[in-house]
Amino acid sequence: MRILVVEDDYFLAEQLTTEILELGDSVVGPFADVHDAILCDDRIEAAILDVKLGDETSFCIADSLKSSGIPFLFLTGGHHELVPPRFRDARIYSKPSHARPMLHDLHAQHDRLPVRPSESIETIVVDMLVQAQRVMPDRASAERLVEAALKSAVAMTERGQAEQELKAWLLRLLGKEYAKRRRRHLN
């Protein structure tokens, strides 16, 4: 998924970005300013929002996401009571938090959304290539990574193991292929 990250602590933003990419999702941002995040025109599928950004809060972003049906959660170094009652159903994580449980939560929220018209396979493959190019050293290795994920998907489909949400499934397979290749290169 394309995860919007709004966090004004530079080191925490970098840590979250790195972990999100390693776990197979892509990052929009990170943004340290509410206004920059609002002006972001990238399609996002979920968001991690720091509650307090300098003298402002991220509640206007959360309102927009909520009205659009986009999953989000809050990250705070303060008290959870700072979050207004209108977001009582939102998940709140304390700083510092690792990305894995937050991503698990966001994926679960996303999976519970009503089914939307699916994107074309061409659009999904282009998104996979863009994501692969962010983490691989060159275009050829990014293409090989996408090819491996697609081969895995074909094999799983032949075994009757395909998943309903095509884009999310293919991006998870891309993340798994990246994790396998990364481990091979680090050993």
Foldseek 3Di string as FASTA:
>chain_A
DEEAEADQPVVLSVQQQVLCLLQQYHYDDPHLDLVVSVPDPDDHQEYEAEQDRPPHGNVVVVVVCVVVLHYYAYEYQDDPVVDDPVCVVHHYHYPPDHNVVVVVVRVVSSVPDPDDDADDPVVLLVVQQVSLCVPDPDSVVSVVLLVVLVVVQVVCVVVVNHDDRNSVSSSSSSSVSVNVVVVVVVD
